[in-house]
Amino acid sequence: MKKFTLLFLAILSLETFANNPIKLPSITKDSAEAKKPSHWKTAGFFGLNASQTALNNWQGGGQDNVALNTILNFEANYKKDKHEWVNKLDAQYGIMKPGSSVFRKNIDQLFALSKYSINAFSKYWFYAAQADYRTQFAPGYVYQGDTIAGRATSDMNSPGYLQLALGLEYKPADYFSVSLSPVAGKFTFVNRQYLADAGAYGVEAAKYDTNGVMIKHGKRNRYEFGGRLTLKFKKDIVKNVNWDSYLDLFSNYMHNPENIDVVFNNLITIKVSKFFTVNFISQMIYDDDIIIKRGDINGPRLQALTTLAVGFGYKF
């Protein structure tokens, strides 16, 4: 009788549970593991532009040509409390083929930057440490007509510039900043030995005896200690128009500090449609130690490059 009673109670309990099940709270991935806020922000842009011109009995003159260039910009920034770490990569490369001549490059730049800053004495002022590197991808030549004249006048890491800076940064907005670095170092690299022997890009040239025989190769690097001022601006100035600007001024305390090295880069991107953009590129460089030898020119000069390109563009 006792066993029968226990069995009856067990069956009754199962029936009750079936009619009134206990509802457990659902466990989702978000509830099981709380989302951690991400302090990283990334952004980038890739552009590919191409053009072709073909002429046949064209009275206005001109020359057949094909051109192709690409742009890649990428940023990865970390921000938490008083700390901020900015990383940036800018790469541009373009080639063109005028007439029946060989392909030659018309734009070539590689720039990488990393900067760490910590809030100082107000919300707009930061202590900052920056390292950046600037060079190019491929050899550059001087052309006489359709023919390459002589050896390459430049190449990857010929020159290459590594700059280090410590100072204060004023950042009143996310899109604009000014950095003043009274302690800055600039390293110039010239890997191609014949360029170093010629004293290109400010390195110490080779030494020769009275008979013109080389007794010591030129140095392939140079160090400068000085002060630096940089200004950065990046913002959509109007709808679908972004302006990315970078101005870098450097003064060498040890040699002619009044002669300021200038790097001024601008990229204006106009978004016409989802995958169609117009890009205006401007680069200006002045370095008192770079001697331009071309025609009647034999000395430092302002170097300038401008490009207007239309083609595919994608933001990510």
Protein backbone atom coordinates (compact mmCIF):
# COMPACT_ATOMS: atom_id res chain seq x y z
CA MET A 1 0.00 0.00 0.00
CA LYS A 2 2.86 2.36 0.84
CA LYS A 3 4.55 1.72 -2.52
CA PHE A 4 1.29 2.31 -4.33
CA THR A 5 0.81 5.66 -2.54
CA LEU A 6 4.33 6.84 -3.48
CA LEU A 7 3.81 5.86 -7.12
CA PHE A 8 0.46 7.71 -7.18
CA LEU A 9 2.10 10.90 -5.78
CA ALA A 10 4.90 10.71 -8.32
CA ILE A 11 2.47 10.43 -11.24
CA LEU A 12 0.42 13.31 -9.84
CA SER A 13 3.54 15.51 -9.60
CA LEU A 14 4.56 14.81 -13.21
CA GLU A 15 1.07 15.67 -14.42
CA THR A 16 1.08 18.94 -12.45
CA PHE A 17 4.53 19.90 -13.87
CA ALA A 18 3.37 19.12 -17.40
CA ASN A 19 0.33 21.39 -17.05
CA ASN A 20 2.25 24.18 -15.28
CA PRO A 21 5.90 24.10 -16.40
CA ILE A 22 8.42 26.25 -14.59
CA LYS A 23 9.52 29.09 -16.89
CA LEU A 24 13.27 29.69 -16.72
CA PRO A 25 14.72 32.98 -17.95
CA SER A 26 16.20 32.60 -21.43
CA ILE A 27 19.97 32.82 -21.55
CA THR A 28 21.31 34.71 -24.55
CA LYS A 29 24.86 35.49 -25.50
CA ASP A 30 24.40 39.13 -24.51
CA SER A 31 22.92 38.30 -21.10
CA ALA A 32 25.45 35.57 -20.39
CA GLU A 33 28.37 37.78 -21.28
CA ALA A 34 27.97 41.53 -20.89
CA LYS A 35 29.12 43.55 -23.87
CA LYS A 36 32.41 45.28 -23.28
CA PRO A 37 32.65 48.80 -24.68
CA SER A 38 35.16 49.08 -27.54
CA HIS A 39 37.70 51.86 -27.24
CA TRP A 40 38.94 51.31 -30.79
CA LYS A 41 37.64 53.14 -33.85
CA THR A 42 38.75 52.32 -37.37
CA ALA A 43 38.10 54.03 -40.69
CA GLY A 44 39.50 53.81 -44.18
CA PHE A 45 39.20 54.77 -47.82
CA PHE A 46 40.23 52.98 -51.00
CA GLY A 47 40.19 54.64 -54.40
CA LEU A 48 41.03 53.37 -57.87
CA ASN A 49 41.09 55.79 -60.78
CA ALA A 50 41.81 55.14 -64.46
CA SER A 51 41.81 57.19 -67.65
CA GLN A 52 42.61 56.71 -71.33
CA THR A 53 43.00 59.25 -74.12
CA ALA A 54 43.16 58.25 -77.80
CA LEU A 55 43.68 60.79 -80.59
CA ASN A 56 43.36 60.40 -84.34
CA ASN A 57 44.05 63.35 -86.66
CA TRP A 58 43.25 65.64 -83.74
CA GLN A 59 43.96 69.18 -84.92
CA GLY A 60 44.26 70.54 -81.39
CA GLY A 61 47.29 68.34 -80.74
CA GLY A 62 48.03 66.11 -77.76
CA GLN A 63 49.22 62.57 -77.14
CA ASP A 64 47.62 59.19 -76.51
CA ASN A 65 47.98 58.14 -72.88
CA VAL A 66 46.79 55.67 -70.28
CA ALA A 67 46.87 56.39 -66.54
CA LEU A 68 46.00 54.46 -63.40
CA ASN A 69 46.38 55.44 -59.76
CA THR A 70 45.24 54.15 -56.40
CA ILE A 71 44.78 55.62 -52.92
CA LEU A 72 44.58 53.83 -49.58
CA ASN A 73 43.96 55.61 -46.28
CA PHE A 74 43.47 53.75 -43.01
CA GLU A 75 43.17 54.86 -39.37
CA ALA A 76 42.98 52.84 -36.15
CA ASN A 77 42.49 54.98 -33.05
CA TYR A 78 42.24 54.03 -29.39
CA LYS A 79 40.72 56.31 -26.75
CA LYS A 80 40.05 55.60 -23.10
CA ASP A 81 39.82 58.07 -20.23
CA LYS A 82 42.83 60.40 -20.55
CA HIS A 83 44.70 58.23 -23.03
CA GLU A 84 44.61 58.36 -26.82
CA TRP A 85 46.60 56.41 -29.40
CA VAL A 86 46.34 57.39 -33.08
CA ASN A 87 47.64 55.24 -35.95
CA LYS A 88 47.45 56.28 -39.59
CA LEU A 89 48.56 54.89 -42.95
CA ASP A 90 48.48 56.84 -46.23
CA ALA A 91 49.54 55.17 -49.47
CA GLN A 92 49.29 56.56 -53.00
CA TYR A 93 50.69 55.18 -56.22
CA GLY A 94 50.01 55.93 -59.86
CA ILE A 95 51.42 55.10 -63.28
CA MET A 96 50.94 56.53 -66.76
CA LYS A 97 51.92 55.59 -70.30
CA PRO A 98 52.27 58.53 -72.69
CA GLY A 99 52.01 57.44 -76.32
CA SER A 100 54.25 54.49 -77.15
CA SER A 101 56.60 55.21 -74.27
CA VAL A 102 57.12 52.91 -71.30
CA PHE A 103 54.97 53.14 -68.19
CA ARG A 104 56.25 55.64 -65.65
CA LYS A 105 54.96 56.63 -62.24
CA ASN A 106 53.22 59.96 -61.71
CA ILE A 107 52.49 59.73 -57.97
CA ASP A 108 54.22 57.71 -55.26
CA GLN A 109 53.96 58.12 -51.49
CA LEU A 110 53.96 55.95 -48.37
CA PHE A 111 53.34 57.59 -44.98
CA ALA A 112 52.78 55.91 -41.60
CA LEU A 113 52.19 57.64 -38.27
CA SER A 114 51.72 56.55 -34.66
CA LYS A 115 51.05 59.01 -31.84
CA TYR A 116 50.34 58.49 -28.15
CA SER A 117 48.91 61.30 -26.04
CA ILE A 118 47.68 61.74 -22.47
CA ASN A 119 45.55 64.57 -21.17
CA ALA A 120 47.59 67.31 -19.50
CA PHE A 121 46.35 70.41 -17.71
CA SER A 122 42.99 70.90 -19.45
CA LYS A 123 40.68 68.91 -21.70
CA TYR A 124 42.25 70.48 -24.81
CA TRP A 125 45.94 70.03 -23.98
CA PHE A 126 47.86 66.75 -24.16
CA TYR A 127 51.38 65.50 -23.64
CA ALA A 128 52.22 63.77 -26.92
CA ALA A 129 54.86 61.43 -28.36
CA GLN A 130 54.85 60.81 -32.12
CA ALA A 131 56.77 58.64 -34.58
CA ASP A 132 56.23 58.75 -38.34
CA TYR A 133 57.89 57.44 -41.46
CA ARG A 134 57.74 58.72 -45.05
CA THR A 135 59.13 57.19 -48.25
CA GLN A 136 57.98 55.85 -51.64
CA PHE A 137 57.28 52.47 -53.28
CA ALA A 138 59.26 52.39 -56.50
CA PRO A 139 62.32 53.89 -58.23
CA GLY A 140 62.00 57.33 -59.78
CA TYR A 141 63.80 58.39 -62.96
CA VAL A 142 64.50 61.43 -65.08
CA TYR A 143 63.25 61.06 -68.66
CA GLN A 144 64.57 62.54 -71.87
CA GLY A 145 61.68 62.17 -74.27
CA ASP A 146 60.60 58.54 -74.02
CA THR A 147 63.95 57.33 -72.66
CA ILE A 148 65.14 56.93 -69.09
CA ALA A 149 68.18 59.14 -68.51
CA GLY A 150 70.68 57.56 -66.13
CA ARG A 151 70.09 55.63 -62.96
CA ALA A 152 67.21 56.04 -60.50
CA THR A 153 67.18 59.35 -58.64
CA SER A 154 65.05 57.90 -55.82
CA ASP A 155 63.67 54.61 -54.52
CA MET A 156 62.08 53.04 -51.44
CA ASN A 157 64.09 54.31 -48.46
CA SER A 158 66.13 56.46 -50.82
CA PRO A 159 65.15 58.73 -49.32
CA GLY A 160 63.28 57.56 -46.26
CA TYR A 161 62.48 59.85 -43.34
CA LEU A 162 61.88 58.71 -39.76
CA GLN A 163 60.84 61.44 -37.33
CA LEU A 164 60.37 61.28 -33.56
CA ALA A 165 58.86 64.08 -31.49
CA LEU A 166 57.95 64.89 -27.88
CA GLY A 167 55.85 67.88 -26.90
CA LEU A 168 52.41 69.32 -26.34
CA GLU A 169 49.31 68.90 -28.46
CA TYR A 170 46.36 71.29 -28.57
CA LYS A 171 43.19 69.53 -29.74
CA PRO A 172 40.03 71.64 -29.43
CA ALA A 173 38.06 69.27 -31.70
CA ASP A 174 38.31 65.72 -33.00
CA TYR A 175 39.01 66.97 -36.53
CA PHE A 176 41.78 69.51 -35.74
CA SER A 177 45.01 69.46 -33.73
CA VAL A 178 48.26 71.41 -33.38
CA SER A 179 51.40 69.75 -31.98
CA LEU A 180 54.43 71.71 -30.79
CA SER A 181 57.51 69.55 -30.17
CA PRO A 182 60.63 71.37 -28.91
CA VAL A 183 62.39 67.98 -28.80
CA ALA A 184 62.37 66.26 -32.18
CA GLY A 185 64.68 64.05 -34.18
CA LYS A 186 64.81 63.49 -37.93
CA PHE A 187 66.60 60.54 -39.53
CA THR A 188 67.24 60.55 -43.29
CA PHE A 189 68.06 57.25 -45.01
CA VAL A 190 69.55 56.81 -48.48
CA ASN A 191 69.95 53.08 -49.18
CA ARG A 192 71.24 53.39 -52.75
CA GLN A 193 74.97 53.83 -52.30
CA TYR A 194 75.60 55.86 -55.47
CA LEU A 195 73.01 58.39 -54.30
CA ALA A 196 74.70 58.53 -50.89
CA ASP A 197 78.09 58.96 -52.59
CA ALA A 198 76.66 61.95 -54.45
CA GLY A 199 75.44 63.50 -51.18
CA ALA A 200 71.78 63.25 -52.27
CA TYR A 201 69.04 64.30 -49.84
CA GLY A 202 71.48 65.96 -47.44
CA VAL A 203 73.63 62.98 -46.41
CA GLU A 204 77.42 63.34 -46.26
CA ALA A 205 78.91 62.74 -49.72
CA ALA A 206 81.82 60.44 -50.59
CA LYS A 207 85.38 61.70 -50.18
CA TYR A 208 88.01 61.63 -52.93
CA ASP A 209 91.77 62.13 -53.00
CA THR A 210 93.52 64.66 -55.19
CA ASN A 211 93.51 62.21 -58.10
CA GLY A 212 89.73 61.81 -57.96
CA VAL A 213 89.86 58.33 -56.44
CA MET A 214 87.16 57.62 -53.86
CA ILE A 215 88.69 57.00 -50.44
CA LYS A 216 85.46 56.90 -48.43
CA HIS A 217 81.87 56.13 -49.40
CA GLY A 218 79.14 58.60 -48.63
CA LYS A 219 77.06 58.06 -45.51
CA ARG A 220 73.71 56.42 -46.08
CA ASN A 221 72.00 58.14 -43.16
CA ARG A 222 71.83 61.50 -41.46
CA TYR A 223 70.56 62.60 -38.05
CA GLU A 224 69.11 66.02 -37.23
CA PHE A 225 67.98 67.36 -33.86
CA GLY A 226 65.50 70.20 -33.75
CA GLY A 227 61.97 71.44 -33.15
CA ARG A 228 58.78 70.53 -34.92
CA LEU A 229 55.30 71.93 -35.48
CA THR A 230 52.50 69.87 -37.05
CA LEU A 231 48.90 70.76 -37.89
CA LYS A 232 46.26 68.16 -38.77
CA PHE A 233 42.77 68.72 -40.11
CA LYS A 234 40.28 66.12 -41.32
CA LYS A 235 36.58 66.83 -41.68
CA ASP A 236 33.57 66.75 -43.99
CA ILE A 237 33.59 70.46 -44.83
CA VAL A 238 30.25 70.11 -46.62
CA LYS A 239 28.04 67.13 -47.31
CA ASN A 240 29.96 64.40 -49.22
CA VAL A 241 33.17 66.49 -49.35
CA ASN A 242 36.02 65.46 -47.03
CA TRP A 243 39.24 67.45 -46.59
CA ASP A 244 42.30 65.72 -45.10
CA SER A 245 45.23 68.11 -44.54
CA TYR A 246 48.64 67.68 -42.88
CA LEU A 247 51.30 70.38 -42.41
CA ASP A 248 54.72 69.48 -40.97
CA LEU A 249 57.40 72.08 -40.15
CA PHE A 250 60.87 71.09 -38.89
CA SER A 251 63.84 73.22 -37.85
CA ASN A 252 67.31 71.72 -37.37
CA TYR A 253 68.86 73.28 -34.25
CA MET A 254 72.35 72.15 -35.29
CA HIS A 255 72.48 73.54 -38.85
CA ASN A 256 70.75 76.60 -40.31
CA PRO A 257 67.74 76.55 -37.97
CA GLU A 258 66.17 79.42 -39.92
CA ASN A 259 65.73 77.13 -42.95
CA ILE A 260 62.48 75.31 -42.25
CA ASP A 261 61.71 71.92 -43.80
CA VAL A 262 58.11 71.88 -45.03
CA VAL A 263 55.78 68.98 -45.88
CA PHE A 264 52.23 69.98 -46.81
CA ASN A 265 49.80 67.26 -47.98
CA ASN A 266 46.14 67.66 -48.90
CA LEU A 267 43.53 65.18 -50.07
CA ILE A 268 40.02 66.33 -50.97
CA THR A 269 37.53 63.54 -51.62
CA ILE A 270 34.16 64.31 -53.22
CA LYS A 271 31.62 61.50 -53.00
CA VAL A 272 29.45 61.60 -56.13
CA SER A 273 27.66 58.30 -55.46
CA LYS A 274 28.13 55.23 -53.30
CA PHE A 275 31.13 53.96 -55.29
CA PHE A 276 32.05 56.99 -57.42
CA THR A 277 34.43 59.71 -56.19
CA VAL A 278 36.49 62.67 -57.34
CA ASN A 279 39.89 63.05 -55.63
CA PHE A 280 42.14 66.09 -55.59
CA ILE A 281 45.66 65.39 -54.32
CA SER A 282 48.23 68.07 -53.52
CA GLN A 283 51.73 67.53 -52.13
CA MET A 284 54.33 70.21 -51.45
CA ILE A 285 57.83 69.65 -50.05
CA TYR A 286 60.65 72.06 -49.31
CA ASP A 287 63.93 70.86 -47.82
CA ASP A 288 66.98 73.11 -47.89
CA ASP A 289 69.22 70.04 -47.99
CA ILE A 290 67.68 68.61 -51.18
CA ILE A 291 69.47 70.02 -54.20
CA ILE A 292 67.44 70.06 -57.41
CA LYS A 293 69.62 69.72 -60.51
CA ARG A 294 67.55 70.18 -63.64
CA GLY A 295 68.35 72.49 -66.54
CA ASP A 296 69.51 75.81 -65.11
CA ILE A 297 68.33 74.85 -61.62
CA ASN A 298 70.99 73.86 -59.10
CA GLY A 299 69.79 74.34 -55.56
CA PRO A 300 66.88 73.81 -53.16
CA ARG A 301 63.44 74.39 -54.65
CA LEU A 302 59.80 73.93 -53.70
CA GLN A 303 58.61 70.55 -54.95
CA ALA A 304 54.93 70.42 -55.87
CA LEU A 305 52.58 67.73 -57.17
CA THR A 306 48.86 67.96 -57.93
CA THR A 307 46.53 65.26 -59.22
CA LEU A 308 42.83 65.33 -60.09
CA ALA A 309 41.35 61.84 -60.38
CA VAL A 310 37.88 60.43 -60.99
CA GLY A 311 36.92 56.83 -60.38
CA PHE A 312 35.95 54.12 -57.89
CA GLY A 313 35.97 55.01 -54.19
CA TYR A 314 34.91 53.05 -51.12
CA LYS A 315 34.83 54.05 -47.46
CA PHE A 316 35.12 51.37 -44.78
